[in-house]
Amino acid sequence: MTETTISIPSGGFTLQGTLTTSGATPAPAALLVSGSGPIDRDSNAKRMSIDVMRQIAEHLGQNGIASLRYDKRGVGESDGEYLSTGFHDNVDDARAALASLRSRPEVDGDRVVVIGHSEGALIAGVLASDPRLAGAVLLAGSAVNGKRVLRWQAEQIAPTLPTPVKWLMKLLRQDVVATQAKRLERLESSTDDVVRIQLVKMNAKWFREFMAFEPTDALRQAVVPILAITGSKDIQVDPDDVDRMRQVVSSPFDGHVVDDVTHLLRSETGDATVRTYKRQARRPIDQRVTRLLTDWVALLGRID
């Protein structure tokens, strides 16, 4: 496989990405869009590396499928300011990256798919209205607005907190769900791009746009085949959202809930909790996930 660094102009900024190619060209290709947070092209952040997009790029490359992954705005080698970047800015950046990928001589522009993870799955759902796409893959994507997603996350995570933390919060008369709701209300009512909450700078613009975004509105506009994969032990998006997507997508839809797989796309036979994320991240993506998406993309790539 060959990796080439490319520059992507978008909205007055320049994003940096990696084009991975393998085998004969022009080849079918995939745009890889990472999840939320200050994530680089490999899906890694300073505090934790989950390596989702690097691993997917490798699996695709082994099957003769090119890919482009990129650092988000204000992250890694890309220009811009992460904290002031909104959800719709991220959509615009993905569109720009898609245009750059299609323009490459190594790539067959008529055989390009978008693969998104988490927030990236929402963006892939938006791009699925482009008839020039061959398809879209939604990994750990949601089918409800961000406000409902964040509330659901809090409800799933609260019971998994360590017992001493639960005792302390009870002593302080704090409730995880209620505390988060208050923070979200403050973010939602703000008008600034960035606000400070308890001494921490928050990307308020992104939160406002994410909470208001309705994924099903975008999915109803989809005109290309869609593959949705979520793990049964995902505690950041509801696995039932795969069926919610199925109900609104009119284009060909293939949905899977993979047993014992988490939001990080790793297998976890124990309890689903964020406390095991770092341990999970040291393992490769579950083979059932990579096989499903690689076989699906390869099949689309063979369509004339």
Protein backbone atom coordinates (compact mmCIF):
# COMPACT_ATOMS: atom_id res chain seq x y z
CA MET A 1 0.00 0.00 0.00
CA THR A 2 1.08 3.57 -0.70
CA GLU A 3 0.22 6.54 1.51
CA THR A 4 0.34 10.08 0.15
CA THR A 5 -0.22 13.28 2.15
CA ILE A 6 -2.63 15.65 0.41
CA SER A 7 -3.97 19.13 1.14
CA ILE A 8 -7.71 19.82 1.09
CA PRO A 9 -8.96 23.42 0.72
CA SER A 10 -12.17 24.06 2.64
CA GLY A 11 -13.86 27.25 3.75
CA GLY A 12 -10.70 29.34 3.73
CA PHE A 13 -8.75 26.69 5.62
CA THR A 14 -6.51 23.85 4.50
CA LEU A 15 -7.03 20.37 5.88
CA GLN A 16 -4.34 17.72 5.72
CA GLY A 17 -5.13 14.12 4.90
CA THR A 18 -3.72 10.77 3.87
CA LEU A 19 -4.61 9.07 0.59
CA THR A 20 -4.07 5.32 0.78
CA THR A 21 -3.87 3.41 -2.51
CA SER A 22 -3.23 -0.20 -3.39
CA GLY A 23 -3.34 -2.17 -6.62
CA ALA A 24 -4.64 -1.08 -9.99
CA THR A 25 -5.81 2.47 -10.60
CA PRO A 26 -8.14 4.23 -11.05
CA ALA A 27 -9.60 2.38 -8.08
CA PRO A 28 -12.83 2.45 -6.11
CA ALA A 29 -12.36 4.62 -3.04
CA ALA A 30 -13.81 5.62 0.31
CA LEU A 31 -13.85 8.92 2.14
CA LEU A 32 -13.36 8.21 5.86
CA VAL A 33 -15.03 10.65 8.28
CA SER A 34 -14.14 10.36 11.97
CA GLY A 35 -16.29 10.86 15.06
CA SER A 36 -16.79 13.84 17.36
CA GLY A 37 -14.10 15.60 19.34
CA PRO A 38 -10.61 16.84 18.42
CA ILE A 39 -9.90 13.77 16.31
CA ASP A 40 -7.11 13.36 13.78
CA ARG A 41 -7.19 11.42 10.52
CA ASP A 42 -6.63 8.11 12.31
CA SER A 43 -9.50 8.74 14.81
CA ASN A 44 -7.02 9.52 17.58
CA ALA A 45 -7.16 12.24 20.24
CA LYS A 46 -4.50 13.39 22.69
CA ARG A 47 -6.06 11.54 25.60
CA MET A 48 -6.93 8.33 23.77
CA SER A 49 -6.15 6.67 20.47
CA ILE A 50 -8.90 4.50 19.01
CA ASP A 51 -7.32 4.16 15.56
CA VAL A 52 -10.63 3.39 13.84
CA MET A 53 -9.98 5.08 10.51
CA ARG A 54 -6.37 3.94 10.18
CA GLN A 55 -7.45 0.33 10.61
CA ILE A 56 -10.33 0.72 8.18
CA ALA A 57 -7.99 2.29 5.60
CA GLU A 58 -5.69 -0.72 5.93
CA HIS A 59 -8.53 -3.22 5.51
CA LEU A 60 -9.83 -1.38 2.46
CA GLY A 61 -6.36 -1.16 0.96
CA GLN A 62 -5.88 -4.90 1.35
CA ASN A 63 -8.94 -5.28 -0.85
CA GLY A 64 -7.82 -2.87 -3.55
CA ILE A 65 -9.96 0.03 -2.31
CA ALA A 66 -8.34 3.46 -1.97
CA SER A 67 -9.26 5.80 0.88
CA LEU A 68 -8.84 9.35 2.11
CA ARG A 69 -8.84 10.24 5.79
CA TYR A 70 -8.10 13.70 7.16
CA ASP A 71 -7.38 15.71 10.30
CA LYS A 72 -10.42 17.67 11.46
CA ARG A 73 -10.33 21.46 11.37
CA GLY A 74 -7.93 22.77 14.03
CA VAL A 75 -6.57 19.28 14.78
CA GLY A 76 -3.25 17.69 13.84
CA GLU A 77 -1.82 19.35 10.75
CA SER A 78 -5.07 21.01 9.62
CA ASP A 79 -5.71 24.77 9.77
CA GLY A 80 -8.44 26.39 11.80
CA GLU A 81 -9.69 26.48 15.38
CA TYR A 82 -11.34 23.32 16.64
CA LEU A 83 -13.35 24.92 19.45
CA SER A 84 -15.08 27.40 17.14
CA THR A 85 -15.95 24.79 14.50
CA GLY A 86 -19.60 23.74 14.24
CA PHE A 87 -21.25 20.53 13.09
CA HIS A 88 -22.19 22.09 9.75
CA ASP A 89 -18.58 23.22 9.28
CA ASN A 90 -17.61 19.56 9.64
CA VAL A 91 -20.15 18.66 6.96
CA ASP A 92 -18.66 21.30 4.65
CA ASP A 93 -15.17 19.95 5.29
CA ALA A 94 -16.32 16.43 4.41
CA ARG A 95 -17.81 17.73 1.15
CA ALA A 96 -14.49 19.40 0.34
CA ALA A 97 -12.59 16.21 1.14
CA LEU A 98 -14.98 14.24 -1.08
CA ALA A 99 -14.34 16.63 -3.97
CA SER A 100 -10.58 16.28 -3.46
CA LEU A 101 -10.83 12.48 -3.42
CA ARG A 102 -12.87 12.39 -6.62
CA SER A 103 -10.35 14.61 -8.39
CA ARG A 104 -7.42 12.29 -7.77
CA PRO A 105 -6.15 10.39 -10.85
CA GLU A 106 -5.70 7.27 -8.69
CA VAL A 107 -9.44 7.21 -7.97
CA ASP A 108 -12.48 6.31 -10.06
CA GLY A 109 -14.73 9.23 -9.16
CA ASP A 110 -17.86 7.25 -10.00
CA ARG A 111 -17.01 4.50 -7.51
CA VAL A 112 -16.62 6.47 -4.28
CA VAL A 113 -18.35 5.75 -0.97
CA VAL A 114 -18.37 7.63 2.32
CA ILE A 115 -17.66 5.75 5.56
CA GLY A 116 -18.43 7.64 8.77
CA HIS A 117 -18.05 6.67 12.42
CA SER A 118 -20.20 8.25 15.17
CA GLU A 119 -20.52 11.95 14.20
CA GLY A 120 -18.97 10.92 10.91
CA ALA A 121 -21.93 8.60 10.36
CA LEU A 122 -24.27 11.59 10.65
CA ILE A 123 -22.18 13.40 8.05
CA ALA A 124 -22.19 10.34 5.78
CA GLY A 125 -25.98 10.36 6.04
CA VAL A 126 -26.04 13.97 4.82
CA LEU A 127 -23.72 13.20 1.90
CA ALA A 128 -25.90 10.22 0.92
CA SER A 129 -28.16 12.68 -0.95
CA ASP A 130 -25.40 13.00 -3.58
CA PRO A 131 -26.37 10.78 -6.56
CA ARG A 132 -22.74 10.58 -7.67
CA LEU A 133 -21.85 8.57 -4.57
CA ALA A 134 -21.79 4.79 -4.87
CA GLY A 135 -22.96 4.40 -1.26
CA ALA A 136 -22.61 5.40 2.39
CA VAL A 137 -21.57 3.41 5.46
CA LEU A 138 -22.84 4.52 8.87
CA LEU A 139 -20.78 3.04 11.72
CA ALA A 140 -22.25 3.60 15.21
CA GLY A 141 -24.55 6.28 13.86
CA SER A 142 -27.65 7.73 15.51
CA ALA A 143 -31.15 8.28 14.15
CA VAL A 144 -32.32 10.87 16.70
CA ASN A 145 -31.26 14.46 17.36
CA GLY A 146 -28.13 15.17 19.36
CA LYS A 147 -30.04 16.34 22.41
CA ARG A 148 -31.72 12.96 22.69
CA VAL A 149 -28.41 11.19 22.03
CA LEU A 150 -26.67 13.05 24.86
CA ARG A 151 -29.55 12.36 27.25
CA TRP A 152 -29.51 8.66 26.33
CA GLN A 153 -25.74 8.51 26.84
CA ALA A 154 -26.03 9.99 30.32
CA GLU A 155 -28.70 7.44 31.22
CA GLN A 156 -26.49 4.57 30.02
CA ILE A 157 -23.26 5.80 31.60
CA ALA A 158 -24.59 6.84 35.03
CA PRO A 159 -25.16 3.26 36.28
CA THR A 160 -21.62 2.24 35.22
CA LEU A 161 -19.84 4.84 37.37
CA PRO A 162 -17.60 3.41 40.13
CA THR A 163 -19.40 2.97 43.46
CA PRO A 164 -17.26 5.60 45.28
CA VAL A 165 -18.20 8.15 42.62
CA LYS A 166 -21.89 7.30 43.00
CA TRP A 167 -21.61 7.73 46.78
CA LEU A 168 -19.85 11.09 46.39
CA MET A 169 -22.45 12.38 43.95
CA LYS A 170 -25.23 11.25 46.25
CA LEU A 171 -23.51 13.00 49.17
CA LEU A 172 -23.24 16.16 47.06
CA ARG A 173 -26.85 15.66 45.94
CA GLN A 174 -25.83 15.59 42.32
CA ASP A 175 -27.45 13.57 39.57
CA VAL A 176 -25.47 12.77 36.42
CA VAL A 177 -28.43 13.11 34.07
CA ALA A 178 -29.74 16.31 35.70
CA THR A 179 -26.26 17.87 35.86
CA GLN A 180 -25.66 17.19 32.18
CA ALA A 181 -29.10 18.56 31.28
CA LYS A 182 -28.24 21.88 32.95
CA ARG A 183 -24.96 22.11 31.03
CA LEU A 184 -26.70 21.38 27.75
CA GLU A 185 -29.32 24.04 28.46
CA ARG A 186 -26.57 26.59 28.96
CA LEU A 187 -24.86 25.56 25.72
CA GLU A 188 -28.14 25.59 23.83
CA SER A 189 -29.05 29.07 25.02
CA SER A 190 -25.64 30.56 24.28
CA THR A 191 -24.86 32.55 21.14
CA ASP A 192 -21.06 32.38 21.30
CA ASP A 193 -19.00 29.83 19.41
CA VAL A 194 -17.09 28.97 22.59
CA VAL A 195 -18.27 29.19 26.20
CA ARG A 196 -16.58 28.38 29.48
CA ILE A 197 -18.37 26.01 31.86
CA GLN A 198 -16.72 25.24 35.20
CA LEU A 199 -13.40 26.59 33.88
CA VAL A 200 -13.54 24.34 30.80
CA LYS A 201 -13.86 25.83 27.31
CA MET A 202 -16.69 24.15 25.38
CA ASN A 203 -17.37 24.18 21.64
CA ALA A 204 -20.85 25.65 22.08
CA LYS A 205 -21.49 26.20 18.37
CA TRP A 206 -20.95 22.52 17.68
CA PHE A 207 -23.19 21.45 20.57
CA ARG A 208 -26.03 23.75 19.45
CA GLU A 209 -25.91 22.46 15.90
CA PHE A 210 -25.47 18.83 16.94
CA MET A 211 -28.39 18.97 19.38
CA ALA A 212 -30.68 20.47 16.73
CA PHE A 213 -29.66 18.16 13.89
CA GLU A 214 -32.25 15.51 12.95
CA PRO A 215 -30.51 12.58 11.23
CA THR A 216 -33.75 11.16 9.87
CA ASP A 217 -34.39 14.36 7.90
CA ALA A 218 -31.09 13.76 6.09
CA LEU A 219 -31.66 10.02 5.68
CA ARG A 220 -35.02 10.62 4.02
CA GLN A 221 -33.08 12.45 1.28
CA ALA A 222 -30.66 9.55 0.71
CA VAL A 223 -30.52 8.35 -2.90
CA VAL A 224 -27.66 5.84 -2.63
CA PRO A 225 -27.33 2.43 -0.93
CA ILE A 226 -26.66 2.62 2.80
CA LEU A 227 -24.97 0.16 5.16
CA ALA A 228 -25.50 0.77 8.89
CA ILE A 229 -23.52 -1.14 11.54
CA THR A 230 -23.84 -0.62 15.29
CA GLY A 231 -22.70 -2.80 18.17
CA SER A 232 -25.15 -4.33 20.63
CA LYS A 233 -23.02 -2.94 23.50
CA ASP A 234 -22.81 0.62 22.21
CA ILE A 235 -23.58 3.00 25.09
CA GLN A 236 -23.15 6.18 23.06
CA VAL A 237 -25.80 5.53 20.44
CA ASP A 238 -28.88 3.34 20.78
CA PRO A 239 -28.51 0.10 18.77
CA ASP A 240 -32.26 0.35 18.07
CA ASP A 241 -31.42 3.33 15.85
CA VAL A 242 -30.49 0.90 13.08
CA ASP A 243 -34.17 -0.03 12.81
CA ARG A 244 -35.16 3.64 13.01
CA MET A 245 -32.91 4.31 10.03
CA ARG A 246 -34.41 1.39 8.15
CA GLN A 247 -37.88 2.89 8.55
CA VAL A 248 -37.01 6.21 6.87
CA VAL A 249 -34.45 5.29 4.20
CA SER A 250 -36.04 4.70 0.79
CA SER A 251 -32.82 3.75 -1.01
CA PRO A 252 -31.36 0.22 -0.60
CA PHE A 253 -30.59 -0.30 3.11
CA ASP A 254 -28.58 -2.99 4.87
CA GLY A 255 -28.52 -2.77 8.68
CA HIS A 256 -26.66 -4.84 11.27
CA VAL A 257 -26.43 -4.84 15.08
CA VAL A 258 -23.31 -6.87 15.86
CA ASP A 259 -23.35 -8.81 19.13
CA ASP A 260 -20.95 -7.75 21.91
CA VAL A 261 -19.48 -4.83 19.94
CA THR A 262 -19.06 -1.37 21.49
CA HIS A 263 -19.01 2.19 20.17
CA LEU A 264 -15.29 1.75 19.47
CA LEU A 265 -16.20 -1.14 17.15
CA ARG A 266 -14.35 -3.55 19.41
CA SER A 267 -15.63 -6.80 20.87
CA GLU A 268 -16.44 -6.67 24.60
CA THR A 269 -17.81 -9.75 26.36
CA GLY A 270 -17.99 -7.99 29.74
CA ASP A 271 -20.11 -5.07 30.88
CA ALA A 272 -20.43 -2.13 28.52
CA THR A 273 -18.76 0.87 30.18
CA VAL A 274 -16.55 3.79 29.16
CA ARG A 275 -14.10 2.67 31.85
CA THR A 276 -12.99 -0.15 29.55
CA TYR A 277 -12.46 2.07 26.50
CA LYS A 278 -8.68 2.35 26.83
CA ARG A 279 -8.38 -1.41 27.15
CA GLN A 280 -10.70 -1.91 24.19
CA ALA A 281 -8.72 0.54 22.08
CA ARG A 282 -5.63 -1.64 22.36
CA ARG A 283 -7.43 -4.36 20.42
CA PRO A 284 -8.20 -4.33 16.68
CA ILE A 285 -11.64 -3.54 15.32
CA ASP A 286 -13.90 -6.58 15.48
CA GLN A 287 -13.43 -8.69 12.35
CA ARG A 288 -17.19 -9.00 11.82
CA VAL A 289 -17.38 -5.23 11.40
CA THR A 290 -14.44 -4.92 9.02
CA ARG A 291 -15.67 -7.89 6.98
CA LEU A 292 -19.17 -6.47 6.63
CA LEU A 293 -18.05 -3.03 5.51
CA THR A 294 -15.17 -4.20 3.30
CA ASP A 295 -17.28 -6.80 1.47
CA TRP A 296 -20.11 -4.27 1.01
CA VAL A 297 -17.82 -1.54 -0.34
CA ALA A 298 -15.98 -4.01 -2.58
CA LEU A 299 -19.30 -5.17 -4.06
CA LEU A 300 -20.33 -1.59 -4.85
CA GLY A 301 -16.89 -0.93 -6.30
CA ARG A 302 -17.41 -3.69 -8.86
CA ILE A 303 -20.62 -2.13 -10.17
CA ASP A 304 -20.14 -0.64 -13.65
